[in-house]
């Protein structure tokens, strides 16, 4: 893991097309602005984890349905 120190209004660039800017620092909270191409999904970690759980559940349901119908 790369660890960087940034101050308000400073940024980092990832892969030439994703920019992360420190927008505000208030107490123990940091607000970040993220500029990325529309095709790059950007989620908070808890949202990303929920999406992955749903996708995994959907694929398991599809596999179970195929087994029940004799397909797959």
PDB file of N, CA and C in Angstrom:
ATOM      1  N   UNK A   1       0.846  -1.179   0.000  1.00  0.00           N
ATOM      2  CA  UNK A   1       0.000   0.000   0.000  1.00  0.00           C
ATOM      3  C   UNK A   1       0.887   1.237   0.000  1.00  0.00           C
ATOM      4  N   UNK A   2       0.579   2.133  -0.868  1.00  0.00           N
ATOM      5  CA  UNK A   2       1.273   3.417  -0.931  1.00  0.00           C
ATOM      6  C   UNK A   2       0.551   4.379   0.010  1.00  0.00           C
ATOM      7  N   UNK A   3       1.275   5.029   0.897  1.00  0.00           N
ATOM      8  CA  UNK A   3       0.690   5.997   1.828  1.00  0.00           C
ATOM      9  C   UNK A   3       1.254   7.370   1.497  1.00  0.00           C
ATOM     10  N   UNK A   4       0.363   8.330   1.244  1.00  0.00           N
ATOM     11  CA  UNK A   4       0.764   9.688   0.888  1.00  0.00           C
ATOM     12  C   UNK A   4       0.186  10.687   1.874  1.00  0.00           C
ATOM     13  N   UNK A   5       0.888  11.769   2.076  1.00  0.00           N
ATOM     14  CA  UNK A   5       0.361  12.887   2.852  1.00  0.00           C
ATOM     15  C   UNK A   5      -0.046  13.979   1.878  1.00  0.00           C
ATOM     16  N   UNK A   6      -1.225  14.532   2.059  1.00  0.00           N
ATOM     17  CA  UNK A   6      -1.720  15.608   1.213  1.00  0.00           C
ATOM     18  C   UNK A   6      -2.391  16.642   2.107  1.00  0.00           C
ATOM     19  N   UNK A   7      -2.340  17.889   1.702  1.00  0.00           N
ATOM     20  CA  UNK A   7      -3.033  18.973   2.391  1.00  0.00           C
ATOM     21  C   UNK A   7      -4.270  19.348   1.597  1.00  0.00           C
ATOM     22  N   UNK A   8      -5.095  20.191   2.178  1.00  0.00           N
ATOM     23  CA  UNK A   8      -6.303  20.636   1.495  1.00  0.00           C
ATOM     24  C   UNK A   8      -5.944  21.201   0.128  1.00  0.00           C
ATOM     25  N   UNK A   9      -6.752  20.845  -0.866  1.00  0.00           N
ATOM     26  CA  UNK A   9      -6.613  21.255  -2.269  1.00  0.00           C
ATOM     27  C   UNK A   9      -5.449  20.587  -2.998  1.00  0.00           C
ATOM     28  N   UNK A  10      -4.737  19.692  -2.341  1.00  0.00           N
ATOM     29  CA  UNK A  10      -3.696  18.939  -3.028  1.00  0.00           C
ATOM     30  C   UNK A  10      -4.324  17.660  -3.582  1.00  0.00           C
ATOM     31  N   UNK A  11      -3.678  17.073  -4.575  1.00  0.00           N
ATOM     32  CA  UNK A  11      -4.288  15.923  -5.236  1.00  0.00           C
ATOM     33  C   UNK A  11      -3.252  14.856  -5.548  1.00  0.00           C
ATOM     34  N   UNK A  12      -3.775  13.702  -5.973  1.00  0.00           N
ATOM     35  CA  UNK A  12      -2.945  12.637  -6.530  1.00  0.00           C
ATOM     36  C   UNK A  12      -3.597  12.204  -7.838  1.00  0.00           C
ATOM     37  N   UNK A  13      -2.800  11.653  -8.731  1.00  0.00           N
ATOM     38  CA  UNK A  13      -3.297  11.195 -10.028  1.00  0.00           C
ATOM     39  C   UNK A  13      -2.984   9.707 -10.145  1.00  0.00           C
ATOM     40  N   UNK A  14      -3.979   8.943 -10.589  1.00  0.00           N
ATOM     41  CA  UNK A  14      -3.831   7.501 -10.769  1.00  0.00           C
ATOM     42  C   UNK A  14      -4.057   7.184 -12.245  1.00  0.00           C
ATOM     43  N   UNK A  15      -3.079   6.543 -12.846  1.00  0.00           N
ATOM     44  CA  UNK A  15      -3.207   6.044 -14.212  1.00  0.00           C
ATOM     45  C   UNK A  15      -3.579   7.133 -15.222  1.00  0.00           C
ATOM     46  N   UNK A  16      -3.120   8.315 -15.048  1.00  0.00           N
ATOM     47  CA  UNK A  16      -3.314   9.444 -15.974  1.00  0.00           C
ATOM     48  C   UNK A  16      -4.746   9.937 -16.120  1.00  0.00           C
ATOM     49  N   UNK A  17      -5.745   9.212 -15.593  1.00  0.00           N
ATOM     50  CA  UNK A  17      -7.121   9.650 -15.836  1.00  0.00           C
ATOM     51  C   UNK A  17      -8.012   9.666 -14.592  1.00  0.00           C
ATOM     52  N   UNK A  18      -7.449   9.394 -13.423  1.00  0.00           N
ATOM     53  CA  UNK A  18      -8.207   9.469 -12.171  1.00  0.00           C
ATOM     54  C   UNK A  18      -7.481  10.441 -11.253  1.00  0.00           C
ATOM     55  N   UNK A  19      -8.198  11.451 -10.788  1.00  0.00           N
ATOM     56  CA  UNK A  19      -7.618  12.447  -9.886  1.00  0.00           C
ATOM     57  C   UNK A  19      -8.403  12.444  -8.587  1.00  0.00           C
ATOM     58  N   UNK A  20      -7.684  12.403  -7.478  1.00  0.00           N
ATOM     59  CA  UNK A  20      -8.293  12.464  -6.158  1.00  0.00           C
ATOM     60  C   UNK A  20      -7.783  13.728  -5.485  1.00  0.00           C
ATOM     61  N   UNK A  21      -8.719  14.578  -5.049  1.00  0.00           N
ATOM     62  CA  UNK A  21      -8.382  15.873  -4.447  1.00  0.00           C
ATOM     63  C   UNK A  21      -8.881  15.905  -3.009  1.00  0.00           C
ATOM     64  N   UNK A  22      -8.045  16.394  -2.098  1.00  0.00           N
ATOM     65  CA  UNK A  22      -8.489  16.619  -0.723  1.00  0.00           C
ATOM     66  C   UNK A  22      -9.293  17.913  -0.736  1.00  0.00           C
ATOM     67  N   UNK A  23     -10.599  17.796  -0.531  1.00  0.00           N
ATOM     68  CA  UNK A  23     -11.494  18.942  -0.607  1.00  0.00           C
ATOM     69  C   UNK A  23     -11.577  19.655   0.735  1.00  0.00           C
ATOM     70  N   UNK A  24     -11.632  18.876   1.821  1.00  0.00           N
ATOM     71  CA  UNK A  24     -11.810  19.478   3.141  1.00  0.00           C
ATOM     72  C   UNK A  24     -11.281  18.523   4.199  1.00  0.00           C
ATOM     73  N   UNK A  25     -10.705  19.096   5.255  1.00  0.00           N
ATOM     74  CA  UNK A  25     -10.273  18.328   6.421  1.00  0.00           C
ATOM     75  C   UNK A  25     -10.935  18.971   7.627  1.00  0.00           C
ATOM     76  N   UNK A  26     -11.746  18.176   8.317  1.00  0.00           N
ATOM     77  CA  UNK A  26     -12.463  18.698   9.493  1.00  0.00           C
ATOM     78  C   UNK A  26     -12.371  17.660  10.602  1.00  0.00           C
ATOM     79  N   UNK A  27     -11.546  17.952  11.614  1.00  0.00           N
ATOM     80  CA  UNK A  27     -11.365  16.982  12.695  1.00  0.00           C
ATOM     81  C   UNK A  27     -10.747  15.707  12.160  1.00  0.00           C
ATOM     82  N   UNK A  28     -11.426  14.578  12.410  1.00  0.00           N
ATOM     83  CA  UNK A  28     -10.907  13.292  11.955  1.00  0.00           C
ATOM     84  C   UNK A  28     -11.532  12.847  10.638  1.00  0.00           C
ATOM     85  N   UNK A  29     -12.205  13.765   9.932  1.00  0.00           N
ATOM     86  CA  UNK A  29     -12.830  13.429   8.657  1.00  0.00           C
ATOM     87  C   UNK A  29     -12.162  14.189   7.519  1.00  0.00           C
ATOM     88  N   UNK A  30     -12.003  13.480   6.418  1.00  0.00           N
ATOM     89  CA  UNK A  30     -11.413  14.063   5.213  1.00  0.00           C
ATOM     90  C   UNK A  30     -12.432  13.911   4.088  1.00  0.00           C
ATOM     91  N   UNK A  31     -12.723  14.973   3.383  1.00  0.00           N
ATOM     92  CA  UNK A  31     -13.605  14.903   2.212  1.00  0.00           C
ATOM     93  C   UNK A  31     -12.732  14.871   0.973  1.00  0.00           C
ATOM     94  N   UNK A  32     -13.011  13.898   0.113  1.00  0.00           N
ATOM     95  CA  UNK A  32     -12.236  13.721  -1.106  1.00  0.00           C
ATOM     96  C   UNK A  32     -13.116  13.961  -2.320  1.00  0.00           C
ATOM     97  N   UNK A  33     -12.554  14.579  -3.323  1.00  0.00           N
ATOM     98  CA  UNK A  33     -13.213  14.695  -4.617  1.00  0.00           C
ATOM     99  C   UNK A  33     -12.515  13.755  -5.576  1.00  0.00           C
ATOM    100  N   UNK A  34     -13.305  13.021  -6.362  1.00  0.00           N
ATOM    101  CA  UNK A  34     -12.733  12.040  -7.276  1.00  0.00           C
ATOM    102  C   UNK A  34     -13.206  12.340  -8.686  1.00  0.00           C
ATOM    103  N   UNK A  35     -12.273  12.536  -9.582  1.00  0.00           N
ATOM    104  CA  UNK A  35     -12.572  12.740 -11.000  1.00  0.00           C
ATOM    105  C   UNK A  35     -12.087  11.502 -11.737  1.00  0.00           C
ATOM    106  N   UNK A  36     -13.036  10.801 -12.378  1.00  0.00           N
ATOM    107  CA  UNK A  36     -12.695   9.585 -13.102  1.00  0.00           C
ATOM    108  C   UNK A  36     -13.575   9.487 -14.342  1.00  0.00           C
ATOM    109  N   UNK A  37     -13.133   8.768 -15.346  1.00  0.00           N
ATOM    110  CA  UNK A  37     -13.978   8.561 -16.521  1.00  0.00           C
ATOM    111  C   UNK A  37     -15.295   7.891 -16.119  1.00  0.00           C
ATOM    112  N   UNK A  38     -16.357   8.173 -16.865  1.00  0.00           N
ATOM    113  CA  UNK A  38     -17.675   7.628 -16.533  1.00  0.00           C
ATOM    114  C   UNK A  38     -17.690   6.110 -16.502  1.00  0.00           C
ATOM    115  N   UNK A  39     -16.852   5.475 -17.289  1.00  0.00           N
ATOM    116  CA  UNK A  39     -16.853   4.012 -17.326  1.00  0.00           C
ATOM    117  C   UNK A  39     -16.126   3.378 -16.139  1.00  0.00           C
ATOM    118  N   UNK A  40     -15.500   4.192 -15.293  1.00  0.00           N
ATOM    119  CA  UNK A  40     -14.810   3.672 -14.109  1.00  0.00           C
ATOM    120  C   UNK A  40     -15.741   3.812 -12.908  1.00  0.00           C
ATOM    121  N   UNK A  41     -16.191   2.682 -12.352  1.00  0.00           N
ATOM    122  CA  UNK A  41     -17.075   2.782 -11.187  1.00  0.00           C
ATOM    123  C   UNK A  41     -16.292   3.255  -9.954  1.00  0.00           C
ATOM    124  N   UNK A  42     -16.892   4.148  -9.184  1.00  0.00           N
ATOM    125  CA  UNK A  42     -16.287   4.648  -7.948  1.00  0.00           C
ATOM    126  C   UNK A  42     -17.332   4.497  -6.853  1.00  0.00           C
ATOM    127  N   UNK A  43     -17.012   3.714  -5.818  1.00  0.00           N
ATOM    128  CA  UNK A  43     -17.946   3.453  -4.727  1.00  0.00           C
ATOM    129  C   UNK A  43     -17.228   3.546  -3.390  1.00  0.00           C
ATOM    130  N   UNK A  44     -17.990   3.891  -2.341  1.00  0.00           N
ATOM    131  CA  UNK A  44     -17.468   3.721  -0.984  1.00  0.00           C
ATOM    132  C   UNK A  44     -17.295   2.223  -0.758  1.00  0.00           C
ATOM    133  N   UNK A  45     -16.369   1.831   0.098  1.00  0.00           N
ATOM    134  CA  UNK A  45     -16.057   0.409   0.290  1.00  0.00           C
ATOM    135  C   UNK A  45     -17.291  -0.396   0.706  1.00  0.00           C
ATOM    136  N   UNK A  46     -18.111   0.139   1.613  1.00  0.00           N
ATOM    137  CA  UNK A  46     -19.267  -0.620   2.078  1.00  0.00           C
ATOM    138  C   UNK A  46     -20.288  -0.828   0.956  1.00  0.00           C
ATOM    139  N   UNK A  47     -20.397   0.119   0.045  1.00  0.00           N
ATOM    140  CA  UNK A  47     -21.290  -0.032  -1.107  1.00  0.00           C
ATOM    141  C   UNK A  47     -20.708  -1.067  -2.068  1.00  0.00           C
ATOM    142  N   UNK A  48     -19.425  -1.000  -2.320  1.00  0.00           N
ATOM    143  CA  UNK A  48     -18.751  -1.968  -3.189  1.00  0.00           C
ATOM    144  C   UNK A  48     -18.942  -3.386  -2.653  1.00  0.00           C
ATOM    145  N   UNK A  49     -18.751  -3.569  -1.340  1.00  0.00           N
ATOM    146  CA  UNK A  49     -18.922  -4.896  -0.736  1.00  0.00           C
ATOM    147  C   UNK A  49     -20.354  -5.396  -0.902  1.00  0.00           C
ATOM    148  N   UNK A  50     -21.343  -4.515  -0.731  1.00  0.00           N
ATOM    149  CA  UNK A  50     -22.747  -4.905  -0.894  1.00  0.00           C
ATOM    150  C   UNK A  50     -23.027  -5.310  -2.343  1.00  0.00           C
ATOM    151  N   UNK A  51     -22.479  -4.583  -3.301  1.00  0.00           N
ATOM    152  CA  UNK A  51     -22.660  -4.918  -4.710  1.00  0.00           C
ATOM    153  C   UNK A  51     -22.080  -6.296  -4.992  1.00  0.00           C
ATOM    154  N   UNK A  52     -20.885  -6.554  -4.490  1.00  0.00           N
ATOM    155  CA  UNK A  52     -20.245  -7.855  -4.711  1.00  0.00           C
ATOM    156  C   UNK A  52     -21.052  -8.974  -4.070  1.00  0.00           C
ATOM    157  N   UNK A  53     -21.581  -8.754  -2.865  1.00  0.00           N
ATOM    158  CA  UNK A  53     -22.415  -9.776  -2.215  1.00  0.00           C
ATOM    159  C   UNK A  53     -23.652 -10.065  -3.059  1.00  0.00           C
ATOM    160  N   UNK A  54     -24.295  -9.015  -3.587  1.00  0.00           N
ATOM    161  CA  UNK A  54     -25.474  -9.201  -4.433  1.00  0.00           C
ATOM    162  C   UNK A  54     -25.128  -9.963  -5.707  1.00  0.00           C
ATOM    163  N   UNK A  55     -24.008  -9.615  -6.335  1.00  0.00           N
ATOM    164  CA  UNK A  55     -23.594 -10.310  -7.552  1.00  0.00           C
ATOM    165  C   UNK A  55     -23.320 -11.777  -7.263  1.00  0.00           C
ATOM    166  N   UNK A  56     -22.685 -12.052  -6.134  1.00  0.00           N
ATOM    167  CA  UNK A  56     -22.379 -13.429  -5.769  1.00  0.00           C
ATOM    168  C   UNK A  56     -23.672 -14.189  -5.485  1.00  0.00           C
ATOM    169  N   UNK A  57     -24.606 -13.553  -4.786  1.00  0.00           N
ATOM    170  CA  UNK A  57     -25.897 -14.181  -4.512  1.00  0.00           C
ATOM    171  C   UNK A  57     -26.670 -14.434  -5.783  1.00  0.00           C
ATOM    172  N   UNK A  58     -26.628 -13.489  -6.718  1.00  0.00           N
ATOM    173  CA  UNK A  58     -27.323 -13.652  -7.997  1.00  0.00           C
ATOM    174  C   UNK A  58     -26.741 -14.821  -8.791  1.00  0.00           C
ATOM    175  N   UNK A  59     -25.415 -14.928  -8.817  1.00  0.00           N
ATOM    176  CA  UNK A  59     -24.796 -16.010  -9.584  1.00  0.00           C
ATOM    177  C   UNK A  59     -25.068 -17.362  -8.928  1.00  0.00           C
ATOM    178  N   UNK A  60     -25.114 -17.396  -7.582  1.00  0.00           N
ATOM    179  CA  UNK A  60     -25.447 -18.641  -6.893  1.00  0.00           C
ATOM    180  C   UNK A  60     -26.897 -19.023  -7.151  1.00  0.00           C
ATOM    181  N   UNK A  61     -27.792 -18.045  -7.157  1.00  0.00           N
ATOM    182  CA  UNK A  61     -29.213 -18.304  -7.445  1.00  0.00           C
ATOM    183  C   UNK A  61     -29.380 -18.836  -8.861  1.00  0.00           C
ATOM    184  N   UNK A  62     -28.666 -18.265  -9.815  1.00  0.00           N
ATOM    185  CA  UNK A  62     -28.752 -18.717 -11.194  1.00  0.00           C
ATOM    186  C   UNK A  62     -28.238 -20.144 -11.320  1.00  0.00           C
ATOM    187  N   UNK A  63     -27.152 -20.455 -10.623  1.00  0.00           N
ATOM    188  CA  UNK A  63     -26.600 -21.810 -10.655  1.00  0.00           C
ATOM    189  C   UNK A  63     -27.573 -22.793 -10.023  1.00  0.00           C
ATOM    190  N   UNK A  64     -28.193 -22.425  -8.916  1.00  0.00           N
ATOM    191  CA  UNK A  64     -29.164 -23.286  -8.263  1.00  0.00           C
ATOM    192  C   UNK A  64     -30.381 -23.506  -9.150  1.00  0.00           C
ATOM    193  N   UNK A  65     -30.838 -22.462  -9.843  1.00  0.00           N
ATOM    194  CA  UNK A  65     -31.974 -22.589 -10.746  1.00  0.00           C
ATOM    195  C   UNK A  65     -31.649 -23.527 -11.907  1.00  0.00           C
ATOM    196  N   UNK A  66     -30.430 -23.401 -12.429  1.00  0.00           N
ATOM    197  CA  UNK A  66     -30.013 -24.274 -13.538  1.00  0.00           C
ATOM    198  C   UNK A  66     -29.954 -25.707 -13.066  1.00  0.00           C
ATOM    199  N   UNK A  67     -29.458 -25.954 -11.848  1.00  0.00           N
ATOM    200  CA  UNK A  67     -29.399 -27.311 -11.304  1.00  0.00           C
ATOM    201  C   UNK A  67     -30.801 -27.880 -11.123  1.00  0.00           C
ATOM    202  N   UNK A  68     -31.723 -27.064 -10.652  1.00  0.00           N
ATOM    203  CA  UNK A  68     -33.093 -27.509 -10.397  1.00  0.00           C
ATOM    204  C   UNK A  68     -33.830 -27.862 -11.684  1.00  0.00           C
ATOM    205  N   UNK A  69     -33.468 -27.200 -12.784  1.00  0.00           N
ATOM    206  CA  UNK A  69     -34.148 -27.466 -14.058  1.00  0.00           C
ATOM    207  C   UNK A  69     -33.383 -28.481 -14.906  1.00  0.00           C
ATOM    208  N   UNK A  70     -32.266 -28.952 -14.385  1.00  0.00           N
ATOM    209  CA  UNK A  70     -31.482 -29.932 -15.118  1.00  0.00           C
ATOM    210  C   UNK A  70     -30.562 -29.319 -16.148  1.00  0.00           C
ATOM    211  N   UNK A  71     -30.420 -27.983 -16.135  1.00  0.00           N
ATOM    212  CA  UNK A  71     -29.511 -27.289 -17.049  1.00  0.00           C
ATOM    213  C   UNK A  71     -28.242 -26.965 -16.274  1.00  0.00           C
ATOM    214  N   UNK A  72     -27.122 -26.934 -16.929  1.00  0.00           N
ATOM    215  CA  UNK A  72     -25.898 -26.499 -16.296  1.00  0.00           C
ATOM    216  C   UNK A  72     -25.101 -27.571 -15.826  1.00  0.00           C
TER     217      UNK A  72
END
